[in-house]
Amino acid sequence: RFCNSFRIIVVDDGSSDGTASEVKRAMAADKRIGLISYPDNKGKGYAV
């Protein structure tokens, strides 16, 4: 509504549930969403 040029980057910080799958479902619905994912939980600071 206020920005015509943007991108969302989700950083999946080693989730053990279906977070990555749900993000991929969102990516299929809107190409402005991206995903970075890795297997081990490293902390919010690392993810940001």
All heavy atoms as atom14 arrays in JSON, in Angstrom:
{
  "sequence": "RFCNSFRIIVVDDGSSDGTASEVKRAMAADKRIGLISYPDNKGKGYAV",
  "atom14_mask": [
    [1, 1, 1, 1, 1, 1, 1, 1, 1, 1, 1, 0, 0, 0],
    [1, 1, 1, 1, 1, 1, 1, 1, 1, 1, 1, 0, 0, 0],
    [1, 1, 1, 1, 1, 1, 0, 0, 0, 0, 0, 0, 0, 0],
    [1, 1, 1, 1, 1, 1, 1, 1, 0, 0, 0, 0, 0, 0],
    [1, 1, 1, 1, 1, 1, 0, 0, 0, 0, 0, 0, 0, 0],
    [1, 1, 1, 1, 1, 1, 1, 1, 1, 1, 1, 0, 0, 0],
    [1, 1, 1, 1, 1, 1, 1, 1, 1, 1, 1, 0, 0, 0],
    [1, 1, 1, 1, 1, 1, 1, 1, 0, 0, 0, 0, 0, 0],
    [1, 1, 1, 1, 1, 1, 1, 1, 0, 0, 0, 0, 0, 0],
    [1, 1, 1, 1, 1, 1, 1, 0, 0, 0, 0, 0, 0, 0],
    [1, 1, 1, 1, 1, 1, 1, 0, 0, 0, 0, 0, 0, 0],
    [1, 1, 1, 1, 1, 1, 1, 1, 0, 0, 0, 0, 0, 0],
    [1, 1, 1, 1, 1, 1, 1, 1, 0, 0, 0, 0, 0, 0],
    [1, 1, 1, 1, 0, 0, 0, 0, 0, 0, 0, 0, 0, 0],
    [1, 1, 1, 1, 1, 1, 0, 0, 0, 0, 0, 0, 0, 0],
    [1, 1, 1, 1, 1, 1, 0, 0, 0, 0, 0, 0, 0, 0],
    [1, 1, 1, 1, 1, 1, 1, 1, 0, 0, 0, 0, 0, 0],
    [1, 1, 1, 1, 0, 0, 0, 0, 0, 0, 0, 0, 0, 0],
    [1, 1, 1, 1, 1, 1, 1, 0, 0, 0, 0, 0, 0, 0],
    [1, 1, 1, 1, 1, 0, 0, 0, 0, 0, 0, 0, 0, 0],
    [1, 1, 1, 1, 1, 1, 0, 0, 0, 0, 0, 0, 0, 0],
    [1, 1, 1, 1, 1, 1, 1, 1, 1, 0, 0, 0, 0, 0],
    [1, 1, 1, 1, 1, 1, 1, 0, 0, 0, 0, 0, 0, 0],
    [1, 1, 1, 1, 1, 1, 1, 1, 1, 0, 0, 0, 0, 0],
    [1, 1, 1, 1, 1, 1, 1, 1, 1, 1, 1, 0, 0, 0],
    [1, 1, 1, 1, 1, 0, 0, 0, 0, 0, 0, 0, 0, 0],
    [1, 1, 1, 1, 1, 1, 1, 1, 0, 0, 0, 0, 0, 0],
    [1, 1, 1, 1, 1, 0, 0, 0, 0, 0, 0, 0, 0, 0],
    [1, 1, 1, 1, 1, 0, 0, 0, 0, 0, 0, 0, 0, 0],
    [1, 1, 1, 1, 1, 1, 1, 1, 0, 0, 0, 0, 0, 0],
    [1, 1, 1, 1, 1, 1, 1, 1, 1, 0, 0, 0, 0, 0],
    [1, 1, 1, 1, 1, 1, 1, 1, 1, 1, 1, 0, 0, 0],
    [1, 1, 1, 1, 1, 1, 1, 1, 0, 0, 0, 0, 0, 0],
    [1, 1, 1, 1, 0, 0, 0, 0, 0, 0, 0, 0, 0, 0],
    [1, 1, 1, 1, 1, 1, 1, 1, 0, 0, 0, 0, 0, 0],
    [1, 1, 1, 1, 1, 1, 1, 1, 0, 0, 0, 0, 0, 0],
    [1, 1, 1, 1, 1, 1, 0, 0, 0, 0, 0, 0, 0, 0],
    [1, 1, 1, 1, 1, 1, 1, 1, 1, 1, 1, 1, 0, 0],
    [1, 1, 1, 1, 1, 1, 1, 0, 0, 0, 0, 0, 0, 0],
    [1, 1, 1, 1, 1, 1, 1, 1, 0, 0, 0, 0, 0, 0],
    [1, 1, 1, 1, 1, 1, 1, 1, 0, 0, 0, 0, 0, 0],
    [1, 1, 1, 1, 1, 1, 1, 1, 1, 0, 0, 0, 0, 0],
    [1, 1, 1, 1, 0, 0, 0, 0, 0, 0, 0, 0, 0, 0],
    [1, 1, 1, 1, 1, 1, 1, 1, 1, 0, 0, 0, 0, 0],
    [1, 1, 1, 1, 0, 0, 0, 0, 0, 0, 0, 0, 0, 0],
    [1, 1, 1, 1, 1, 1, 1, 1, 1, 1, 1, 1, 0, 0],
    [1, 1, 1, 1, 1, 0, 0, 0, 0, 0, 0, 0, 0, 0],
    [1, 1, 1, 1, 1, 1, 1, 0, 0, 0, 0, 0, 0, 0]
  ],
  "atom14_positions": [
    [[0.81, -1.22, 0.0], [0.0, 0.0, 0.0], [0.84, 1.27, 0.0], [0.36, 2.35, -0.36], [-0.94, 0.01, 1.21], [-1.97, -1.11, 1.19], [-2.85, -1.08, 2.43], [-3.76, -2.21, 2.46], [-4.63, -2.45, 3.44], [-4.69, -1.61, 4.48], [-5.42, -3.5, 3.41], [0.0, 0.0, 0.0], [0.0, 0.0, 0.0], [0.0, 0.0, 0.0]],
    [[2.11, 1.16, 0.44], [2.96, 2.36, 0.47], [4.3, 2.19, -0.24], [5.06, 3.15, -0.38], [3.21, 2.8, 1.92], [3.97, 1.83, 2.77], [5.36, 1.79, 2.77], [3.3, 0.94, 3.6], [6.06, 0.9, 3.56], [4.0, 0.03, 4.39], [5.38, 0.02, 4.38], [0.0, 0.0, 0.0], [0.0, 0.0, 0.0], [0.0, 0.0, 0.0]],
    [[4.61, 0.98, -0.69], [5.9, 0.75, -1.36], [5.68, -0.15, -2.58], [5.16, -1.26, -2.45], [6.9, 0.12, -0.4], [8.55, -0.1, -1.09], [0.0, 0.0, 0.0], [0.0, 0.0, 0.0], [0.0, 0.0, 0.0], [0.0, 0.0, 0.0], [0.0, 0.0, 0.0], [0.0, 0.0, 0.0], [0.0, 0.0, 0.0], [0.0, 0.0, 0.0]],
    [[6.08, 0.33, -3.74], [5.88, -0.43, -4.98], [7.02, -1.38, -5.29], [6.9, -2.23, -6.17], [5.72, 0.54, -6.16], [4.47, 1.38, -6.05], [3.42, 0.9, -5.62], [4.57, 2.65, -6.43], [0.0, 0.0, 0.0], [0.0, 0.0, 0.0], [0.0, 0.0, 0.0], [0.0, 0.0, 0.0], [0.0, 0.0, 0.0], [0.0, 0.0, 0.0]],
    [[8.13, -1.23, -4.59], [9.31, -2.03, -4.89], [9.88, -2.57, -3.58], [10.64, -1.9, -2.88], [10.35, -1.17, -5.61], [11.54, -1.89, -5.84], [0.0, 0.0, 0.0], [0.0, 0.0, 0.0], [0.0, 0.0, 0.0], [0.0, 0.0, 0.0], [0.0, 0.0, 0.0], [0.0, 0.0, 0.0], [0.0, 0.0, 0.0], [0.0, 0.0, 0.0]],
    [[9.53, -3.8, -3.25], [10.0, -4.38, -2.0], [10.13, -5.9, -2.12], [9.61, -6.53, -3.05], [9.07, -4.04, -0.84], [7.72, -4.71, -0.89], [7.5, -5.92, -0.24], [6.67, -4.14, -1.6], [6.26, -6.55, -0.29], [5.43, -4.76, -1.66], [5.22, -5.96, -1.0], [0.0, 0.0, 0.0], [0.0, 0.0, 0.0], [0.0, 0.0, 0.0]],
    [[10.85, -6.46, -1.17], [11.04, -7.91, -1.1], [11.08, -8.32, 0.36], [11.63, -7.6, 1.21], [12.33, -8.3, -1.8], [12.61, -9.8, -1.84], [13.73, -10.11, -2.81], [14.14, -11.52, -2.76], [13.46, -12.52, -3.31], [12.33, -12.27, -3.95], [13.9, -13.77, -3.24], [0.0, 0.0, 0.0], [0.0, 0.0, 0.0], [0.0, 0.0, 0.0]],
    [[10.48, -9.45, 0.66], [10.51, -10.01, 2.01], [11.45, -11.22, 2.02], [11.33, -12.1, 1.16], [9.1, -10.44, 2.47], [8.19, -9.22, 2.58], [9.18, -11.18, 3.8], [6.74, -9.56, 2.86], [0.0, 0.0, 0.0], [0.0, 0.0, 0.0], [0.0, 0.0, 0.0], [0.0, 0.0, 0.0], [0.0, 0.0, 0.0], [0.0, 0.0, 0.0]],
    [[12.37, -11.23, 2.96], [13.3, -12.35, 3.09], [13.07, -13.01, 4.44], [13.35, -12.43, 5.49], [14.76, -11.88, 2.98], [14.99, -11.16, 1.65], [15.72, -13.06, 3.15], [16.29, -10.41, 1.59], [0.0, 0.0, 0.0], [0.0, 0.0, 0.0], [0.0, 0.0, 0.0], [0.0, 0.0, 0.0], [0.0, 0.0, 0.0], [0.0, 0.0, 0.0]],
    [[12.54, -14.21, 4.43], [12.36, -14.98, 5.66], [13.62, -15.79, 5.92], [14.13, -16.46, 5.02], [11.15, -15.93, 5.56], [10.99, -16.72, 6.85], [9.88, -15.16, 5.25], [0.0, 0.0, 0.0], [0.0, 0.0, 0.0], [0.0, 0.0, 0.0], [0.0, 0.0, 0.0], [0.0, 0.0, 0.0], [0.0, 0.0, 0.0], [0.0, 0.0, 0.0]],
    [[14.14, -15.7, 7.13], [15.29, -16.51, 7.51], [14.81, -17.56, 8.5], [14.48, -17.25, 9.65], [16.42, -15.65, 8.13], [17.63, -16.53, 8.44], [16.82, -14.52, 7.18], [0.0, 0.0, 0.0], [0.0, 0.0, 0.0], [0.0, 0.0, 0.0], [0.0, 0.0, 0.0], [0.0, 0.0, 0.0], [0.0, 0.0, 0.0], [0.0, 0.0, 0.0]],
    [[14.73, -18.79, 8.03], [14.29, -19.91, 8.87], [15.48, -20.37, 9.7], [16.4, -21.01, 9.2], [13.77, -21.03, 7.99], [13.43, -22.27, 8.79], [13.19, -22.15, 10.01], [13.41, -23.38, 8.2], [0.0, 0.0, 0.0], [0.0, 0.0, 0.0], [0.0, 0.0, 0.0], [0.0, 0.0, 0.0], [0.0, 0.0, 0.0], [0.0, 0.0, 0.0]],
    [[15.44, -20.03, 10.99], [16.58, -20.26, 11.88], [16.57, -21.67, 12.47], [16.43, -21.88, 13.68], [16.55, -19.2, 13.0], [17.76, -19.25, 13.91], [18.84, -19.66, 13.44], [17.63, -18.88, 15.09], [0.0, 0.0, 0.0], [0.0, 0.0, 0.0], [0.0, 0.0, 0.0], [0.0, 0.0, 0.0], [0.0, 0.0, 0.0], [0.0, 0.0, 0.0]],
    [[16.69, -22.66, 11.58], [16.78, -24.05, 12.03], [15.52, -24.58, 12.66], [15.58, -25.36, 13.63], [0.0, 0.0, 0.0], [0.0, 0.0, 0.0], [0.0, 0.0, 0.0], [0.0, 0.0, 0.0], [0.0, 0.0, 0.0], [0.0, 0.0, 0.0], [0.0, 0.0, 0.0], [0.0, 0.0, 0.0], [0.0, 0.0, 0.0], [0.0, 0.0, 0.0]],
    [[14.37, -24.19, 12.14], [13.09, -24.66, 12.7], [12.97, -26.17, 12.61], [13.43, -26.8, 11.65], [11.92, -24.01, 11.97], [11.91, -22.61, 12.14], [0.0, 0.0, 0.0], [0.0, 0.0, 0.0], [0.0, 0.0, 0.0], [0.0, 0.0, 0.0], [0.0, 0.0, 0.0], [0.0, 0.0, 0.0], [0.0, 0.0, 0.0], [0.0, 0.0, 0.0]],
    [[12.3, -26.75, 13.62], [12.08, -28.2, 13.63], [10.66, -28.56, 13.19], [10.29, -29.73, 13.18], [12.34, -28.75, 15.03], [11.5, -28.13, 15.99], [0.0, 0.0, 0.0], [0.0, 0.0, 0.0], [0.0, 0.0, 0.0], [0.0, 0.0, 0.0], [0.0, 0.0, 0.0], [0.0, 0.0, 0.0], [0.0, 0.0, 0.0], [0.0, 0.0, 0.0]],
    [[9.87, -27.56, 12.85], [8.49, -27.8, 12.4], [8.4, -27.53, 10.9], [9.37, -27.64, 10.18], [7.51, -26.94, 13.2], [7.71, -25.45, 12.99], [8.65, -25.07, 12.23], [6.95, -24.65, 13.56], [0.0, 0.0, 0.0], [0.0, 0.0, 0.0], [0.0, 0.0, 0.0], [0.0, 0.0, 0.0], [0.0, 0.0, 0.0], [0.0, 0.0, 0.0]],
    [[7.22, -27.17, 10.43], [7.0, -26.96, 9.0], [7.14, -25.52, 8.55], [6.55, -25.14, 7.53], [0.0, 0.0, 0.0], [0.0, 0.0, 0.0], [0.0, 0.0, 0.0], [0.0, 0.0, 0.0], [0.0, 0.0, 0.0], [0.0, 0.0, 0.0], [0.0, 0.0, 0.0], [0.0, 0.0, 0.0], [0.0, 0.0, 0.0], [0.0, 0.0, 0.0]],
    [[7.93, -24.72, 9.26], [8.09, -23.31, 8.9], [8.55, -23.13, 7.46], [7.97, -22.36, 6.69], [9.08, -22.61, 9.86], [8.52, -22.57, 11.17], [9.36, -21.19, 9.41], [0.0, 0.0, 0.0], [0.0, 0.0, 0.0], [0.0, 0.0, 0.0], [0.0, 0.0, 0.0], [0.0, 0.0, 0.0], [0.0, 0.0, 0.0], [0.0, 0.0, 0.0]],
    [[9.6, -23.84, 7.07], [10.14, -23.69, 5.71], [9.1, -24.06, 4.65], [8.97, -23.37, 3.63], [11.39, -24.55, 5.54], [0.0, 0.0, 0.0], [0.0, 0.0, 0.0], [0.0, 0.0, 0.0], [0.0, 0.0, 0.0], [0.0, 0.0, 0.0], [0.0, 0.0, 0.0], [0.0, 0.0, 0.0], [0.0, 0.0, 0.0], [0.0, 0.0, 0.0]],
    [[8.32, -25.11, 4.91], [7.29, -25.52, 3.96], [6.21, -24.46, 3.81], [5.73, -24.18, 2.71], [6.66, -26.84, 4.4], [7.62, -27.88, 4.39], [0.0, 0.0, 0.0], [0.0, 0.0, 0.0], [0.0, 0.0, 0.0], [0.0, 0.0, 0.0], [0.0, 0.0, 0.0], [0.0, 0.0, 0.0], [0.0, 0.0, 0.0], [0.0, 0.0, 0.0]],
    [[5.84, -23.84, 4.92], [4.83, -22.79, 4.88], [5.35, -21.55, 4.16], [4.6, -20.87, 3.45], [4.38, -22.44, 6.3], [3.5, -23.49, 6.94], [2.2, -23.66, 6.18], [1.37, -22.75, 6.21], [2.03, -24.72, 5.52], [0.0, 0.0, 0.0], [0.0, 0.0, 0.0], [0.0, 0.0, 0.0], [0.0, 0.0, 0.0], [0.0, 0.0, 0.0]],
    [[6.63, -21.25, 4.34], [7.21, -20.11, 3.62], [7.22, -20.41, 2.12], [6.91, -19.52, 1.3], [8.63, -19.8, 4.13], [9.27, -18.7, 3.28], [8.59, -19.37, 5.58], [0.0, 0.0, 0.0], [0.0, 0.0, 0.0], [0.0, 0.0, 0.0], [0.0, 0.0, 0.0], [0.0, 0.0, 0.0], [0.0, 0.0, 0.0], [0.0, 0.0, 0.0]],
    [[7.57, -21.61, 1.76], [7.57, -21.98, 0.34], [6.17, -21.89, -0.26], [5.99, -21.54, -1.43], [8.14, -23.38, 0.17], [9.64, -23.45, 0.44], [10.17, -24.88, 0.38], [11.67, -24.91, 0.7], [12.2, -26.31, 0.72], [0.0, 0.0, 0.0], [0.0, 0.0, 0.0], [0.0, 0.0, 0.0], [0.0, 0.0, 0.0], [0.0, 0.0, 0.0]],
    [[5.16, -22.21, 0.54], [3.78, -22.07, 0.08], [3.46, -20.6, -0.18], [2.81, -20.24, -1.17], [2.81, -22.65, 1.12], [1.35, -22.63, 0.7], [0.53, -23.59, 1.53], [0.33, -23.16, 2.89], [-0.78, -22.51, 3.31], [-1.75, -22.2, 2.44], [-0.91, -22.19, 4.57], [0.0, 0.0, 0.0], [0.0, 0.0, 0.0], [0.0, 0.0, 0.0]],
    [[3.96, -19.73, 0.71], [3.78, -18.28, 0.51], [4.55, -17.8, -0.71], [4.08, -16.93, -1.45], [4.23, -17.53, 1.76], [0.0, 0.0, 0.0], [0.0, 0.0, 0.0], [0.0, 0.0, 0.0], [0.0, 0.0, 0.0], [0.0, 0.0, 0.0], [0.0, 0.0, 0.0], [0.0, 0.0, 0.0], [0.0, 0.0, 0.0], [0.0, 0.0, 0.0]],
    [[5.73, -18.34, -0.94], [6.53, -17.97, -2.1], [5.82, -18.31, -3.4], [5.91, -17.58, -4.39], [7.88, -18.67, -2.05], [8.8, -18.19, -0.94], [10.25, -19.27, -0.67], [11.11, -19.07, -2.22], [0.0, 0.0, 0.0], [0.0, 0.0, 0.0], [0.0, 0.0, 0.0], [0.0, 0.0, 0.0], [0.0, 0.0, 0.0], [0.0, 0.0, 0.0]],
    [[5.1, -19.43, -3.39], [4.34, -19.82, -4.58], [3.19, -18.85, -4.85], [2.78, -18.64, -6.0], [3.8, -21.24, -4.41], [0.0, 0.0, 0.0], [0.0, 0.0, 0.0], [0.0, 0.0, 0.0], [0.0, 0.0, 0.0], [0.0, 0.0, 0.0], [0.0, 0.0, 0.0], [0.0, 0.0, 0.0], [0.0, 0.0, 0.0], [0.0, 0.0, 0.0]],
    [[2.69, -18.24, -3.78], [1.59, -17.29, -3.91], [2.07, -15.88, -4.27], [1.33, -15.11, -4.88], [0.78, -17.23, -2.61], [0.0, 0.0, 0.0], [0.0, 0.0, 0.0], [0.0, 0.0, 0.0], [0.0, 0.0, 0.0], [0.0, 0.0, 0.0], [0.0, 0.0, 0.0], [0.0, 0.0, 0.0], [0.0, 0.0, 0.0], [0.0, 0.0, 0.0]],
    [[3.31, -15.55, -3.91], [3.83, -14.2, -4.18], [5.35, -14.27, -4.34], [6.06, -14.65, -3.41], [3.47, -13.24, -3.05], [3.59, -11.79, -3.46], [4.71, -11.39, -3.87], [2.6, -11.05, -3.38], [0.0, 0.0, 0.0], [0.0, 0.0, 0.0], [0.0, 0.0, 0.0], [0.0, 0.0, 0.0], [0.0, 0.0, 0.0], [0.0, 0.0, 0.0]],
    [[5.83, -13.89, -5.5], [7.25, -13.99, -5.83], [8.11, -12.97, -5.1], [9.34, -13.04, -5.17], [7.45, -13.86, -7.34], [6.83, -15.0, -8.13], [7.08, -14.83, -9.62], [6.47, -16.0, -10.41], [6.7, -15.85, -11.87], [0.0, 0.0, 0.0], [0.0, 0.0, 0.0], [0.0, 0.0, 0.0], [0.0, 0.0, 0.0], [0.0, 0.0, 0.0]],
    [[7.5, -12.06, -4.39], [8.27, -11.07, -3.64], [8.77, -11.62, -2.31], [9.47, -10.94, -1.57], [7.42, -9.82, -3.39], [7.15, -9.01, -4.65], [6.14, -7.91, -4.43], [4.81, -8.43, -4.19], [3.7, -7.68, -4.12], [3.81, -6.36, -4.25], [2.53, -8.23, -3.9], [0.0, 0.0, 0.0], [0.0, 0.0, 0.0], [0.0, 0.0, 0.0]],
    [[8.46, -12.87, -2.02], [8.91, -13.53, -0.8], [10.07, -14.46, -1.12], [10.02, -15.21, -2.1], [7.77, -14.33, -0.15], [6.61, -13.39, 0.22], [8.26, -15.07, 1.09], [5.36, -14.11, 0.67], [0.0, 0.0, 0.0], [0.0, 0.0, 0.0], [0.0, 0.0, 0.0], [0.0, 0.0, 0.0], [0.0, 0.0, 0.0], [0.0, 0.0, 0.0]],
    [[11.11, -14.42, -0.33], [12.26, -15.3, -0.48], [12.55, -16.02, 0.83], [12.06, -15.64, 1.89], [0.0, 0.0, 0.0], [0.0, 0.0, 0.0], [0.0, 0.0, 0.0], [0.0, 0.0, 0.0], [0.0, 0.0, 0.0], [0.0, 0.0, 0.0], [0.0, 0.0, 0.0], [0.0, 0.0, 0.0], [0.0, 0.0, 0.0], [0.0, 0.0, 0.0]],
    [[13.39, -17.04, 0.78], [13.68, -17.86, 1.95], [15.16, -18.18, 2.04], [15.79, -18.56, 1.06], [12.89, -19.17, 1.89], [13.22, -20.23, 2.95], [12.84, -19.75, 4.35], [12.52, -21.55, 2.62], [0.0, 0.0, 0.0], [0.0, 0.0, 0.0], [0.0, 0.0, 0.0], [0.0, 0.0, 0.0], [0.0, 0.0, 0.0], [0.0, 0.0, 0.0]],
    [[15.7, -17.99, 3.24], [17.02, -18.5, 3.6], [16.79, -19.51, 4.72], [16.12, -19.2, 5.71], [17.95, -17.38, 4.09], [18.23, -16.37, 2.97], [19.26, -17.95, 4.61], [18.98, -15.14, 3.43], [0.0, 0.0, 0.0], [0.0, 0.0, 0.0], [0.0, 0.0, 0.0], [0.0, 0.0, 0.0], [0.0, 0.0, 0.0], [0.0, 0.0, 0.0]],
    [[17.32, -20.7, 4.57], [17.07, -21.75, 5.56], [18.35, -22.53, 5.82], [19.14, -22.76, 4.9], [15.97, -22.7, 5.06], [15.62, -23.63, 6.05], [0.0, 0.0, 0.0], [0.0, 0.0, 0.0], [0.0, 0.0, 0.0], [0.0, 0.0, 0.0], [0.0, 0.0, 0.0], [0.0, 0.0, 0.0], [0.0, 0.0, 0.0], [0.0, 0.0, 0.0]],
    [[18.55, -22.93, 7.06], [19.7, -23.75, 7.43], [19.26, -24.69, 8.56], [18.28, -24.41, 9.26], [20.9, -22.89, 7.83], [20.56, -21.69, 8.68], [20.44, -21.79, 10.07], [20.35, -20.44, 8.09], [20.13, -20.68, 10.84], [20.03, -19.33, 8.86], [19.93, -19.45, 10.23], [19.61, -18.36, 11.0], [0.0, 0.0, 0.0], [0.0, 0.0, 0.0]],
    [[19.95, -25.81, 8.76], [19.44, -26.86, 9.65], [19.52, -26.59, 11.15], [18.71, -27.11, 11.9], [20.29, -28.08, 9.28], [21.56, -27.5, 8.73], [21.15, -26.24, 8.01], [0.0, 0.0, 0.0], [0.0, 0.0, 0.0], [0.0, 0.0, 0.0], [0.0, 0.0, 0.0], [0.0, 0.0, 0.0], [0.0, 0.0, 0.0], [0.0, 0.0, 0.0]],
    [[20.5, -25.8, 11.6], [20.72, -25.63, 13.04], [20.21, -24.27, 13.52], [20.4, -23.25, 12.86], [22.2, -25.76, 13.37], [22.77, -27.11, 13.0], [22.05, -28.11, 13.18], [23.92, -27.17, 12.5], [0.0, 0.0, 0.0], [0.0, 0.0, 0.0], [0.0, 0.0, 0.0], [0.0, 0.0, 0.0], [0.0, 0.0, 0.0], [0.0, 0.0, 0.0]],
    [[19.6, -24.26, 14.71], [19.14, -23.02, 15.32], [20.34, -22.24, 15.85], [21.06, -22.7, 16.73], [18.17, -23.34, 16.45], [17.69, -22.09, 17.17], [17.95, -21.92, 18.36], [17.0, -21.23, 16.46], [0.0, 0.0, 0.0], [0.0, 0.0, 0.0], [0.0, 0.0, 0.0], [0.0, 0.0, 0.0], [0.0, 0.0, 0.0], [0.0, 0.0, 0.0]],
    [[20.58, -21.05, 15.29], [21.76, -20.27, 15.63], [21.44, -19.01, 16.43], [22.34, -18.34, 16.93], [22.51, -19.89, 14.35], [23.07, -21.08, 13.59], [23.78, -20.64, 12.33], [24.35, -21.81, 11.56], [25.43, -22.51, 12.3], [0.0, 0.0, 0.0], [0.0, 0.0, 0.0], [0.0, 0.0, 0.0], [0.0, 0.0, 0.0], [0.0, 0.0, 0.0]],
    [[20.16, -18.64, 16.54], [19.79, -17.46, 17.29], [19.27, -16.34, 16.41], [19.62, -16.24, 15.24], [0.0, 0.0, 0.0], [0.0, 0.0, 0.0], [0.0, 0.0, 0.0], [0.0, 0.0, 0.0], [0.0, 0.0, 0.0], [0.0, 0.0, 0.0], [0.0, 0.0, 0.0], [0.0, 0.0, 0.0], [0.0, 0.0, 0.0], [0.0, 0.0, 0.0]],
    [[18.42, -15.51, 16.99], [17.78, -14.43, 16.23], [18.81, -13.46, 15.66], [18.66, -12.99, 14.53], [16.8, -13.67, 17.13], [16.01, -12.59, 16.41], [15.04, -11.89, 17.33], [14.27, -10.8, 16.59], [13.33, -10.08, 17.49], [0.0, 0.0, 0.0], [0.0, 0.0, 0.0], [0.0, 0.0, 0.0], [0.0, 0.0, 0.0], [0.0, 0.0, 0.0]],
    [[19.84, -13.15, 16.43], [20.85, -12.21, 15.95], [21.53, -12.72, 14.68], [21.73, -11.96, 13.73], [0.0, 0.0, 0.0], [0.0, 0.0, 0.0], [0.0, 0.0, 0.0], [0.0, 0.0, 0.0], [0.0, 0.0, 0.0], [0.0, 0.0, 0.0], [0.0, 0.0, 0.0], [0.0, 0.0, 0.0], [0.0, 0.0, 0.0], [0.0, 0.0, 0.0]],
    [[21.88, -13.99, 14.68], [22.5, -14.58, 13.5], [21.56, -14.53, 12.31], [21.96, -14.19, 11.2], [22.9, -16.03, 13.78], [23.51, -16.73, 12.59], [24.88, -16.68, 12.37], [22.71, -17.41, 11.68], [25.45, -17.31, 11.27], [23.26, -18.04, 10.57], [24.63, -17.99, 10.37], [25.18, -18.6, 9.25], [0.0, 0.0, 0.0], [0.0, 0.0, 0.0]],
    [[20.28, -14.88, 12.55], [19.3, -14.91, 11.47], [19.11, -13.53, 10.84], [19.09, -13.39, 9.62], [17.97, -15.44, 12.0], [0.0, 0.0, 0.0], [0.0, 0.0, 0.0], [0.0, 0.0, 0.0], [0.0, 0.0, 0.0], [0.0, 0.0, 0.0], [0.0, 0.0, 0.0], [0.0, 0.0, 0.0], [0.0, 0.0, 0.0], [0.0, 0.0, 0.0]],
    [[18.98, -12.51, 11.68], [18.8, -11.15, 11.17], [20.02, -10.71, 10.37], [19.91, -10.18, 9.26], [18.52, -10.16, 12.32], [18.6, -8.71, 11.83], [17.15, -10.43, 12.93], [0.0, 0.0, 0.0], [0.0, 0.0, 0.0], [0.0, 0.0, 0.0], [0.0, 0.0, 0.0], [0.0, 0.0, 0.0], [0.0, 0.0, 0.0], [0.0, 0.0, 0.0]]
  ]
}
